PDB file of N, CA and C in Angstrom:
ATOM      1  N   MET A   1      81.012   2.495  42.484  1.00  0.00           N
ATOM      2  CA  MET A   1      80.509   2.470  43.566  1.00  0.00           C
ATOM      3  C   MET A   1      80.138   1.594  44.596  1.00  0.00           C
ATOM      4  N   LEU A   2      79.922   0.239  44.543  1.00  0.00           N
ATOM      5  CA  LEU A   2      79.232  -0.470  45.112  1.00  0.00           C
ATOM      6  C   LEU A   2      80.410  -1.176  45.600  1.00  0.00           C
ATOM      7  N   MET A   3      81.599  -1.279  44.991  1.00  0.00           N
ATOM      8  CA  MET A   3      83.227  -2.085  45.087  1.00  0.00           C
ATOM      9  C   MET A   3      83.558  -1.304  46.211  1.00  0.00           C
ATOM     10  N   GLN A   4      83.033  -0.115  46.168  1.00  0.00           N
ATOM     11  CA  GLN A   4      83.809   1.048  47.458  1.00  0.00           C
ATOM     12  C   GLN A   4      82.667   0.658  48.725  1.00  0.00           C
ATOM     13  N   LEU A   5      81.521   0.643  48.760  1.00  0.00           N
ATOM     14  CA  LEU A   5      80.960   0.544  49.971  1.00  0.00           C
ATOM     15  C   LEU A   5      80.965  -0.913  50.803  1.00  0.00           C
ATOM     16  N   MET A   6      81.118  -1.872  49.209  1.00  0.00           N
ATOM     17  CA  MET A   6      81.724  -3.258  50.162  1.00  0.00           C
ATOM     18  C   MET A   6      82.583  -3.252  51.015  1.00  0.00           C
ATOM     19  N   LEU A   7      83.239  -1.973  50.167  1.00  0.00           N
ATOM     20  CA  LEU A   7      84.816  -2.785  50.482  1.00  0.00           C
ATOM     21  C   LEU A   7      84.682  -1.906  52.387  1.00  0.00           C
ATOM     22  N   GLU A   8      84.207  -0.730  52.058  1.00  0.00           N
ATOM     23  CA  GLU A   8      83.897   0.053  53.770  1.00  0.00           C
ATOM     24  C   GLU A   8      83.431  -0.634  54.012  1.00  0.00           C
ATOM     25  N   ARG A   9      82.214  -2.049  54.427  1.00  0.00           N
ATOM     26  CA  ARG A   9      81.409  -2.233  55.102  1.00  0.00           C
ATOM     27  C   ARG A   9      80.959  -3.194  54.986  1.00  0.00           C
ATOM     28  N   GLY A  10      81.587  -3.897  53.386  1.00  0.00           N
ATOM     29  CA  GLY A  10      81.824  -5.508  53.459  1.00  0.00           C
ATOM     30  C   GLY A  10      79.906  -6.100  52.636  1.00  0.00           C
ATOM     31  N   ASP A  11      79.704  -7.354  52.725  1.00  0.00           N
ATOM     32  CA  ASP A  11      78.883  -7.684  52.099  1.00  0.00           C
ATOM     33  C   ASP A  11      78.226  -8.056  53.003  1.00  0.00           C
ATOM     34  N   PRO A  12      76.267  -7.490  52.948  1.00  0.00           N
ATOM     35  CA  PRO A  12      75.692  -7.172  53.775  1.00  0.00           C
ATOM     36  C   PRO A  12      74.574  -8.764  54.480  1.00  0.00           C
ATOM     37  N   ARG A  13      74.896  -9.785  53.407  1.00  0.00           N
ATOM     38  CA  ARG A  13      74.491 -10.869  53.143  1.00  0.00           C
ATOM     39  C   ARG A  13      75.911 -11.972  53.860  1.00  0.00           C
ATOM     40  N   SER A  14      76.309 -11.716  54.296  1.00  0.00           N
ATOM     41  CA  SER A  14      77.899 -12.686  55.210  1.00  0.00           C
ATOM     42  C   SER A  14      77.518 -13.050  56.498  1.00  0.00           C
ATOM     43  N   PRO A  15      77.575 -14.008  56.941  1.00  0.00           N
ATOM     44  CA  PRO A  15      77.166 -14.172  58.381  1.00  0.00           C
ATOM     45  C   PRO A  15      78.667 -13.527  59.484  1.00  0.00           C
ATOM     46  N   ARG A  16      78.270 -13.175  60.280  1.00  0.00           N
ATOM     47  CA  ARG A  16      78.965 -12.572  61.083  1.00  0.00           C
ATOM     48  C   ARG A  16      80.250 -13.444  61.557  1.00  0.00           C
ATOM     49  N   LEU A  17      81.371 -12.805  62.049  1.00  0.00           N
ATOM     50  CA  LEU A  17      82.771 -13.463  61.520  1.00  0.00           C
ATOM     51  C   LEU A  17      82.675 -13.324  63.508  1.00  0.00           C
ATOM     52  N   GLY A  18      83.251 -14.704  63.940  1.00  0.00           N
ATOM     53  CA  GLY A  18      83.687 -15.100  64.710  1.00  0.00           C
ATOM     54  C   GLY A  18      84.892 -14.051  65.387  1.00  0.00           C
ATOM     55  N   VAL A  19      85.052 -14.682  67.157  1.00  0.00           N
ATOM     56  CA  VAL A  19      85.616 -13.587  67.781  1.00  0.00           C
ATOM     57  C   VAL A  19      87.193 -13.927  67.807  1.00  0.00           C
ATOM     58  N   LEU A  20      88.357 -12.954  67.083  1.00  0.00           N
ATOM     59  CA  LEU A  20      89.133 -13.780  67.178  1.00  0.00           C
ATOM     60  C   LEU A  20      89.519 -14.122  68.398  1.00  0.00           C
ATOM     61  N   LYS A  21      90.870 -14.744  68.285  1.00  0.00           N
ATOM     62  CA  LYS A  21      91.370 -15.157  69.404  1.00  0.00           C
ATOM     63  C   LYS A  21      92.868 -14.330  69.156  1.00  0.00           C
ATOM     64  N   PRO A  22      93.654 -13.724  70.427  1.00  0.00           N
ATOM     65  CA  PRO A  22      95.445 -12.454  70.094  1.00  0.00           C
ATOM     66  C   PRO A  22      96.142 -14.270  69.783  1.00  0.00           C
ATOM     67  N   ARG A  23      97.266 -14.000  68.782  1.00  0.00           N
ATOM     68  CA  ARG A  23      97.874 -14.522  68.936  1.00  0.00           C
ATOM     69  C   ARG A  23      98.708 -14.915  69.637  1.00  0.00           C
ATOM     70  N   PRO A  24      99.624 -16.021  70.008  1.00  0.00           N
ATOM     71  CA  PRO A  24     100.538 -16.491  71.350  1.00  0.00           C
ATOM     72  C   PRO A  24     101.371 -15.806  71.216  1.00  0.00           C
ATOM     73  N   THR A  25     101.840 -15.675  71.949  1.00  0.00           N
ATOM     74  CA  THR A  25     104.041 -15.043  72.607  1.00  0.00           C
ATOM     75  C   THR A  25     104.205 -15.904  72.470  1.00  0.00           C
ATOM     76  N   PRO A  26     105.656 -16.803  71.949  1.00  0.00           N
ATOM     77  CA  PRO A  26     105.948 -17.474  72.439  1.00  0.00           C
ATOM     78  C   PRO A  26     107.378 -17.300  73.903  1.00  0.00           C
ATOM     79  N   SER A  27     107.565 -17.812  74.420  1.00  0.00           N
ATOM     80  CA  SER A  27     108.638 -17.366  76.012  1.00  0.00           C
ATOM     81  C   SER A  27     109.869 -17.439  75.117  1.00  0.00           C
ATOM     82  N   ALA A  28     109.982 -15.857  75.833  1.00  0.00           N
ATOM     83  CA  ALA A  28     111.996 -15.565  76.277  1.00  0.00           C
ATOM     84  C   ALA A  28     112.955 -17.295  75.297  1.00  0.00           C
ATOM     85  N   ALA A  29     112.866 -18.490  76.188  1.00  0.00           N
ATOM     86  CA  ALA A  29     113.258 -18.699  76.218  1.00  0.00           C
ATOM     87  C   ALA A  29     113.040 -19.672  74.510  1.00  0.00           C
ATOM     88  N   VAL A  30     111.948 -19.524  73.704  1.00  0.00           N
ATOM     89  CA  VAL A  30     111.259 -20.061  72.871  1.00  0.00           C
ATOM     90  C   VAL A  30     112.009 -19.054  71.859  1.00  0.00           C
ATOM     91  N   PHE A  31     112.481 -17.791  71.749  1.00  0.00           N
ATOM     92  CA  PHE A  31     112.163 -16.893  71.362  1.00  0.00           C
ATOM     93  C   PHE A  31     114.272 -17.131  70.682  1.00  0.00           C
ATOM     94  N   ALA A  32     114.957 -17.240  72.034  1.00  0.00           N
ATOM     95  CA  ALA A  32     116.073 -17.718  72.093  1.00  0.00           C
ATOM     96  C   ALA A  32     116.530 -19.177  71.318  1.00  0.00           C
ATOM     97  N   ASP A  33     115.960 -19.788  70.537  1.00  0.00           N
ATOM     98  CA  ASP A  33     116.608 -20.973  69.664  1.00  0.00           C
ATOM     99  C   ASP A  33     115.320 -20.870  68.968  1.00  0.00           C
ATOM    100  N   PRO A  34     116.556 -21.470  67.590  1.00  0.00           N
ATOM    101  CA  PRO A  34     116.057 -20.647  67.019  1.00  0.00           C
ATOM    102  C   PRO A  34     114.950 -22.320  66.345  1.00  0.00           C
ATOM    103  N   ALA A  35     115.471 -23.387  66.417  1.00  0.00           N
ATOM    104  CA  ALA A  35     114.889 -24.561  66.586  1.00  0.00           C
ATOM    105  C   ALA A  35     113.945 -24.856  66.964  1.00  0.00           C
ATOM    106  N   GLN A  36     113.600 -23.983  68.320  1.00  0.00           N
ATOM    107  CA  GLN A  36     112.395 -24.218  68.879  1.00  0.00           C
ATOM    108  C   GLN A  36     111.243 -23.015  68.858  1.00  0.00           C
ATOM    109  N   TYR A  37     111.740 -22.165  68.452  1.00  0.00           N
ATOM    110  CA  TYR A  37     110.955 -20.907  66.898  1.00  0.00           C
ATOM    111  C   TYR A  37     109.903 -20.891  66.374  1.00  0.00           C
ATOM    112  N   GLN A  38     111.002 -21.859  65.122  1.00  0.00           N
ATOM    113  CA  GLN A  38     110.192 -22.790  64.274  1.00  0.00           C
ATOM    114  C   GLN A  38     109.358 -23.668  64.842  1.00  0.00           C
ATOM    115  N   ALA A  39     108.857 -24.589  65.033  1.00  0.00           N
ATOM    116  CA  ALA A  39     108.503 -25.196  65.661  1.00  0.00           C
ATOM    117  C   ALA A  39     107.251 -25.159  66.298  1.00  0.00           C
ATOM    118  N   PHE A  40     107.804 -23.710  67.198  1.00  0.00           N
ATOM    119  CA  PHE A  40     106.281 -22.581  68.030  1.00  0.00           C
ATOM    120  C   PHE A  40     105.273 -22.133  66.187  1.00  0.00           C
ATOM    121  N   GLU A  41     106.319 -21.608  64.653  1.00  0.00           N
ATOM    122  CA  GLU A  41     105.682 -21.442  63.863  1.00  0.00           C
ATOM    123  C   GLU A  41     104.995 -22.250  63.120  1.00  0.00           C
ATOM    124  N   ASP A  42     105.657 -23.487  63.618  1.00  0.00           N
ATOM    125  CA  ASP A  42     105.254 -24.607  62.582  1.00  0.00           C
ATOM    126  C   ASP A  42     104.104 -25.221  63.029  1.00  0.00           C
ATOM    127  N   GLN A  43     103.538 -24.603  64.411  1.00  0.00           N
ATOM    128  CA  GLN A  43     102.507 -25.215  65.132  1.00  0.00           C
ATOM    129  C   GLN A  43     101.221 -24.382  65.219  1.00  0.00           C
ATOM    130  N   TYR A  44     101.867 -22.516  65.393  1.00  0.00           N
ATOM    131  CA  TYR A  44     100.477 -22.428  65.148  1.00  0.00           C
ATOM    132  C   TYR A  44     100.077 -22.358  63.774  1.00  0.00           C
ATOM    133  N   SER A  45     101.006 -21.774  63.182  1.00  0.00           N
ATOM    134  CA  SER A  45     100.317 -22.205  61.010  1.00  0.00           C
ATOM    135  C   SER A  45      99.746 -23.401  61.092  1.00  0.00           C
ATOM    136  N   ARG A  46      99.574 -24.398  61.429  1.00  0.00           N
ATOM    137  CA  ARG A  46      99.317 -25.731  61.167  1.00  0.00           C
ATOM    138  C   ARG A  46      98.019 -25.521  61.820  1.00  0.00           C
ATOM    139  N   ALA A  47      97.503 -24.847  63.293  1.00  0.00           N
ATOM    140  CA  ALA A  47      96.424 -24.069  63.882  1.00  0.00           C
ATOM    141  C   ALA A  47      95.476 -23.321  63.091  1.00  0.00           C
ATOM    142  N   GLN A  48      95.747 -22.750  62.536  1.00  0.00           N
ATOM    143  CA  GLN A  48      95.249 -21.877  61.888  1.00  0.00           C
ATOM    144  C   GLN A  48      94.754 -22.180  60.631  1.00  0.00           C
ATOM    145  N   VAL A  49      95.430 -23.083  59.873  1.00  0.00           N
ATOM    146  CA  VAL A  49      95.121 -23.890  58.261  1.00  0.00           C
ATOM    147  C   VAL A  49      93.921 -24.533  59.528  1.00  0.00           C
ATOM    148  N   GLN A  50      93.555 -25.434  60.340  1.00  0.00           N
ATOM    149  CA  GLN A  50      93.282 -26.728  60.731  1.00  0.00           C
ATOM    150  C   GLN A  50      92.058 -26.249  61.052  1.00  0.00           C
ATOM    151  N   ALA A  51      91.657 -24.766  61.806  1.00  0.00           N
ATOM    152  CA  ALA A  51      90.972 -23.441  61.849  1.00  0.00           C
ATOM    153  C   ALA A  51      89.897 -23.382  60.945  1.00  0.00           C
ATOM    154  N   PHE A  52      90.560 -23.224  59.378  1.00  0.00           N
ATOM    155  CA  PHE A  52      90.764 -22.278  58.456  1.00  0.00           C
ATOM    156  C   PHE A  52      89.391 -23.940  58.019  1.00  0.00           C
ATOM    157  N   ALA A  53      90.250 -25.108  58.054  1.00  0.00           N
ATOM    158  CA  ALA A  53      89.735 -26.213  57.313  1.00  0.00           C
ATOM    159  C   ALA A  53      88.561 -26.679  58.178  1.00  0.00           C
ATOM    160  N   SER A  54      88.576 -26.632  59.179  1.00  0.00           N
ATOM    161  CA  SER A  54      87.175 -26.698  60.136  1.00  0.00           C
ATOM    162  C   SER A  54      85.734 -26.751  59.445  1.00  0.00           C
ATOM    163  N   GLY A  55      85.798 -24.996  58.213  1.00  0.00           N
ATOM    164  CA  GLY A  55      85.276 -25.073  57.661  1.00  0.00           C
ATOM    165  C   GLY A  55      84.175 -26.410  56.907  1.00  0.00           C
ATOM    166  N   VAL A  56      85.261 -27.026  56.578  1.00  0.00           N
ATOM    167  CA  VAL A  56      84.311 -28.401  55.474  1.00  0.00           C
ATOM    168  C   VAL A  56      83.422 -29.319  56.514  1.00  0.00           C
ATOM    169  N   GLN A  57      83.489 -28.772  57.938  1.00  0.00           N
ATOM    170  CA  GLN A  57      82.590 -30.031  58.563  1.00  0.00           C
ATOM    171  C   GLN A  57      81.280 -28.753  58.196  1.00  0.00           C
ATOM    172  N   GLN A  58      80.795 -28.042  57.892  1.00  0.00           N
ATOM    173  CA  GLN A  58      79.508 -27.209  57.882  1.00  0.00           C
ATOM    174  C   GLN A  58      79.121 -26.946  56.696  1.00  0.00           C
ATOM    175  N   LEU A  59      79.775 -27.798  55.326  1.00  0.00           N
ATOM    176  CA  LEU A  59      79.280 -28.579  54.207  1.00  0.00           C
ATOM    177  C   LEU A  59      77.614 -28.508  54.441  1.00  0.00           C
ATOM    178  N   PRO A  60      77.614 -29.965  55.026  1.00  0.00           N
ATOM    179  CA  PRO A  60      75.953 -30.768  54.828  1.00  0.00           C
ATOM    180  C   PRO A  60      75.089 -28.815  54.963  1.00  0.00           C
ATOM    181  N   ASP A  61      75.332 -28.034  56.033  1.00  0.00           N
ATOM    182  CA  ASP A  61      74.420 -27.242  57.169  1.00  0.00           C
ATOM    183  C   ASP A  61      74.444 -25.998  55.278  1.00  0.00           C
ATOM    184  N   ILE A  62      75.338 -25.933  55.754  1.00  0.00           N
ATOM    185  CA  ILE A  62      75.254 -25.110  54.228  1.00  0.00           C
ATOM    186  C   ILE A  62      74.801 -25.729  53.313  1.00  0.00           C
ATOM    187  N   ARG A  63      74.643 -26.837  52.446  1.00  0.00           N
ATOM    188  CA  ARG A  63      73.865 -27.246  51.529  1.00  0.00           C
ATOM    189  C   ARG A  63      72.684 -27.343  51.749  1.00  0.00           C
ATOM    190  N   ALA A  64      72.210 -28.105  53.565  1.00  0.00           N
ATOM    191  CA  ALA A  64      70.975 -27.637  53.801  1.00  0.00           C
ATOM    192  C   ALA A  64      70.259 -26.232  53.749  1.00  0.00           C
ATOM    193  N   ARG A  65      71.156 -24.947  53.962  1.00  0.00           N
ATOM    194  CA  ARG A  65      69.935 -23.486  53.901  1.00  0.00           C
ATOM    195  C   ARG A  65      70.091 -23.464  52.291  1.00  0.00           C
ATOM    196  N   ILE A  66      71.100 -23.894  51.856  1.00  0.00           N
ATOM    197  CA  ILE A  66      70.906 -23.164  50.836  1.00  0.00           C
ATOM    198  C   ILE A  66      69.443 -23.915  49.923  1.00  0.00           C
ATOM    199  N   GLU A  67      69.417 -25.006  49.929  1.00  0.00           N
ATOM    200  CA  GLU A  67      67.641 -25.402  49.733  1.00  0.00           C
ATOM    201  C   GLU A  67      66.902 -25.921  49.924  1.00  0.00           C
ATOM    202  N   GLN A  68      66.371 -24.712  51.558  1.00  0.00           N
ATOM    203  CA  GLN A  68      65.660 -24.464  52.179  1.00  0.00           C
ATOM    204  C   GLN A  68      65.266 -22.617  51.823  1.00  0.00           C
ATOM    205  N   ALA A  69      66.266 -21.765  51.338  1.00  0.00           N
ATOM    206  CA  ALA A  69      65.895 -20.745  50.688  1.00  0.00           C
ATOM    207  C   ALA A  69      65.946 -20.523  49.668  1.00  0.00           C
ATOM    208  N   ALA A  70      66.202 -21.661  48.261  1.00  0.00           N
ATOM    209  CA  ALA A  70      65.981 -22.238  47.593  1.00  0.00           C
ATOM    210  C   ALA A  70      64.125 -22.594  47.411  1.00  0.00           C
ATOM    211  N   GLN A  71      63.543 -23.222  48.877  1.00  0.00           N
ATOM    212  CA  GLN A  71      62.197 -23.764  48.309  1.00  0.00           C
ATOM    213  C   GLN A  71      61.443 -22.515  49.405  1.00  0.00           C
ATOM    214  N   SER A  72      61.468 -22.017  50.052  1.00  0.00           N
ATOM    215  CA  SER A  72      60.989 -20.574  50.204  1.00  0.00           C
ATOM    216  C   SER A  72      61.066 -19.506  49.764  1.00  0.00           C
ATOM    217  N   GLY A  73      62.053 -19.892  48.724  1.00  0.00           N
ATOM    218  CA  GLY A  73      61.877 -18.562  47.997  1.00  0.00           C
ATOM    219  C   GLY A  73      62.325 -17.743  48.517  1.00  0.00           C
ATOM    220  N   GLU A  74      63.034 -17.030  49.204  1.00  0.00           N
ATOM    221  CA  GLU A  74      63.584 -16.227  49.783  1.00  0.00           C
ATOM    222  C   GLU A  74      64.607 -15.615  49.219  1.00  0.00           C
ATOM    223  N   ARG A  75      65.682 -16.297  48.474  1.00  0.00           N
ATOM    224  CA  ARG A  75      66.273 -15.842  47.405  1.00  0.00           C
ATOM    225  C   ARG A  75      66.400 -16.048  46.238  1.00  0.00           C
ATOM    226  N   ASN A  76      67.105 -14.930  45.290  1.00  0.00           N
ATOM    227  CA  ASN A  76      66.331 -15.443  43.906  1.00  0.00           C
ATOM    228  C   ASN A  76      67.505 -15.812  42.965  1.00  0.00           C
ATOM    229  N   ALA A  77      67.594 -16.377  42.358  1.00  0.00           N
ATOM    230  CA  ALA A  77      67.516 -17.491  41.107  1.00  0.00           C
ATOM    231  C   ALA A  77      69.642 -16.967  41.127  1.00  0.00           C
ATOM    232  N   ALA A  78      69.722 -16.009  41.252  1.00  0.00           N
ATOM    233  CA  ALA A  78      71.108 -15.355  41.198  1.00  0.00           C
ATOM    234  C   ALA A  78      71.769 -15.462  42.252  1.00  0.00           C
ATOM    235  N   GLU A  79      70.876 -15.503  43.207  1.00  0.00           N
ATOM    236  CA  GLU A  79      72.131 -15.461  44.359  1.00  0.00           C
ATOM    237  C   GLU A  79      71.997 -17.326  45.143  1.00  0.00           C
ATOM    238  N   LEU A  80      70.648 -18.170  44.662  1.00  0.00           N
ATOM    239  CA  LEU A  80      71.031 -19.588  44.791  1.00  0.00           C
ATOM    240  C   LEU A  80      71.954 -20.031  43.941  1.00  0.00           C
ATOM    241  N   ASP A  81      72.231 -19.437  42.513  1.00  0.00           N
ATOM    242  CA  ASP A  81      73.342 -19.916  41.465  1.00  0.00           C
ATOM    243  C   ASP A  81      74.776 -19.448  42.697  1.00  0.00           C
ATOM    244  N   GLU A  82      74.478 -18.256  43.073  1.00  0.00           N
ATOM    245  CA  GLU A  82      76.254 -17.711  43.751  1.00  0.00           C
ATOM    246  C   GLU A  82      76.565 -18.229  44.474  1.00  0.00           C
ATOM    247  N   ALA A  83      75.616 -18.614  45.424  1.00  0.00           N
ATOM    248  CA  ALA A  83      75.958 -19.659  46.785  1.00  0.00           C
ATOM    249  C   ALA A  83      75.814 -21.519  46.096  1.00  0.00           C
ATOM    250  N   ARG A  84      75.441 -20.898  45.373  1.00  0.00           N
ATOM    251  CA  ARG A  84      76.181 -23.021  44.913  1.00  0.00           C
ATOM    252  C   ARG A  84      77.604 -23.131  44.500  1.00  0.00           C
ATOM    253  N   ALA A  85      77.956 -21.996  43.860  1.00  0.00           N
ATOM    254  CA  ALA A  85      79.027 -22.383  43.311  1.00  0.00           C
ATOM    255  C   ALA A  85      79.767 -21.876  44.094  1.00  0.00           C
ATOM    256  N   ALA A  86      79.986 -21.381  45.649  1.00  0.00           N
ATOM    257  CA  ALA A  86      80.539 -21.306  46.344  1.00  0.00           C
ATOM    258  C   ALA A  86      80.750 -21.940  47.302  1.00  0.00           C
ATOM    259  N   LEU A  87      79.285 -22.645  47.278  1.00  0.00           N
ATOM    260  CA  LEU A  87      79.579 -24.654  48.169  1.00  0.00           C
ATOM    261  C   LEU A  87      80.249 -25.745  46.860  1.00  0.00           C
ATOM    262  N   GLU A  88      80.268 -25.243  46.040  1.00  0.00           N
ATOM    263  CA  GLU A  88      80.983 -26.023  44.573  1.00  0.00           C
ATOM    264  C   GLU A  88      82.163 -25.971  45.062  1.00  0.00           C
ATOM    265  N   GLN A  89      82.917 -24.433  45.094  1.00  0.00           N
ATOM    266  CA  GLN A  89      84.435 -24.776  45.431  1.00  0.00           C
ATOM    267  C   GLN A  89      84.602 -25.144  46.754  1.00  0.00           C
ATOM    268  N   LEU A  90      83.712 -25.095  47.973  1.00  0.00           N
ATOM    269  CA  LEU A  90      84.198 -25.605  49.227  1.00  0.00           C
ATOM    270  C   LEU A  90      84.532 -26.737  49.253  1.00  0.00           C
ATOM    271  N   GLN A  91      83.849 -27.505  48.457  1.00  0.00           N
ATOM    272  CA  GLN A  91      83.081 -29.538  48.577  1.00  0.00           C
ATOM    273  C   GLN A  91      84.812 -29.263  47.831  1.00  0.00           C
ATOM    274  N   MET A  92      85.434 -28.932  46.750  1.00  0.00           N
ATOM    275  CA  MET A  92      86.535 -28.956  45.517  1.00  0.00           C
ATOM    276  C   MET A  92      88.027 -28.735  47.243  1.00  0.00           C
ATOM    277  N   LEU A  93      87.740 -27.319  47.694  1.00  0.00           N
ATOM    278  CA  LEU A  93      88.905 -27.625  48.465  1.00  0.00           C
ATOM    279  C   LEU A  93      89.153 -28.334  49.769  1.00  0.00           C
ATOM    280  N   LYS A  94      87.531 -29.267  49.872  1.00  0.00           N
ATOM    281  CA  LYS A  94      87.236 -30.795  50.943  1.00  0.00           C
ATOM    282  C   LYS A  94      88.099 -31.713  50.280  1.00  0.00           C
ATOM    283  N   ALA A  95      88.048 -31.810  48.428  1.00  0.00           N
ATOM    284  CA  ALA A  95      88.401 -32.690  47.874  1.00  0.00           C
ATOM    285  C   ALA A  95      90.105 -32.575  47.865  1.00  0.00           C
ATOM    286  N   LYS A  96      90.365 -31.510  48.170  1.00  0.00           N
ATOM    287  CA  LYS A  96      91.725 -31.504  47.232  1.00  0.00           C
ATOM    288  C   LYS A  96      92.320 -31.662  48.982  1.00  0.00           C
ATOM    289  N   LEU A  97      92.706 -31.022  49.682  1.00  0.00           N
ATOM    290  CA  LEU A  97      92.835 -31.647  51.749  1.00  0.00           C
ATOM    291  C   LEU A  97      92.911 -33.385  51.834  1.00  0.00           C
ATOM    292  N   GLN A  98      91.688 -33.940  51.218  1.00  0.00           N
ATOM    293  CA  GLN A  98      91.666 -34.786  51.509  1.00  0.00           C
ATOM    294  C   GLN A  98      92.811 -35.799  51.086  1.00  0.00           C
ATOM    295  N   ARG A  99      92.994 -35.483  49.349  1.00  0.00           N
ATOM    296  CA  ARG A  99      94.025 -36.137  47.972  1.00  0.00           C
ATOM    297  C   ARG A  99      95.792 -35.592  49.898  1.00  0.00           C
ATOM    298  N   GLU A 100      95.400 -34.256  49.488  1.00  0.00           N
ATOM    299  CA  GLU A 100      97.189 -33.816  49.682  1.00  0.00           C
ATOM    300  C   GLU A 100      97.290 -33.326  51.076  1.00  0.00           C
ATOM    301  N   ALA A 101      96.446 -33.057  52.095  1.00  0.00           N
ATOM    302  CA  ALA A 101      96.650 -32.668  53.130  1.00  0.00           C
ATOM    303  C   ALA A 101      96.230 -33.256  54.237  1.00  0.00           C
ATOM    304  N   PRO A 102      95.681 -34.691  54.113  1.00  0.00           N
ATOM    305  CA  PRO A 102      94.220 -34.944  54.828  1.00  0.00           C
ATOM    306  C   PRO A 102      94.515 -34.635  56.723  1.00  0.00           C
ATOM    307  N   GLU A 103      95.957 -34.683  56.813  1.00  0.00           N
ATOM    308  CA  GLU A 103      96.028 -34.488  58.142  1.00  0.00           C
ATOM    309  C   GLU A 103      96.056 -32.786  58.607  1.00  0.00           C
ATOM    310  N   LEU A 104      95.543 -32.605  58.084  1.00  0.00           N
ATOM    311  CA  LEU A 104      94.705 -30.736  58.196  1.00  0.00           C
ATOM    312  C   LEU A 104      93.662 -30.640  58.189  1.00  0.00           C
ATOM    313  N   LEU A 105      92.650 -31.282  58.171  1.00  0.00           N
ATOM    314  CA  LEU A 105      91.590 -31.945  57.984  1.00  0.00           C
ATOM    315  C   LEU A 105      91.229 -31.843  60.092  1.00  0.00           C
ATOM    316  N   PRO A 106      90.099 -30.940  59.608  1.00  0.00           N
ATOM    317  CA  PRO A 106      89.693 -31.685  61.397  1.00  0.00           C
ATOM    318  C   PRO A 106      89.269 -33.258  62.121  1.00  0.00           C
ATOM    319  N   GLY A 107      89.799 -33.440  62.918  1.00  0.00           N
ATOM    320  CA  GLY A 107      89.567 -34.959  63.656  1.00  0.00           C
ATOM    321  C   GLY A 107      91.266 -35.934  63.306  1.00  0.00           C
ATOM    322  N   ALA A 108      92.245 -35.072  62.222  1.00  0.00           N
ATOM    323  CA  ALA A 108      93.142 -35.248  61.778  1.00  0.00           C
ATOM    324  C   ALA A 108      94.315 -34.804  63.297  1.00  0.00           C
ATOM    325  N   PRO A 109      95.184 -36.428  63.433  1.00  0.00           N
ATOM    326  CA  PRO A 109      95.849 -36.343  64.737  1.00  0.00           C
ATOM    327  C   PRO A 109      97.125 -35.024  64.135  1.00  0.00           C
TER     328      PRO A 109
END
């Protein structure tokens, strides 16, 4: 029952999502040229991955919020453990990106 509720309404502990931008539409000329269209798709895909990867910039803030919640007692031990595990996963993702695809991290050319 809880899983069904989460599916329908999401996790109430999750932060609000940002506003989605509409997907850009290529011009007729780009649609007509397979090479231009592939370049358009590659650029869009790279922008999507970079937007996702930009979340690594928030790691210090996330860490501070977890520790603040631990100090204030506003979260129980299980919730803090869950948050710390998620933070560790994000740190591992950042390390993997730095090793394998540093160009995808924010600030890369």
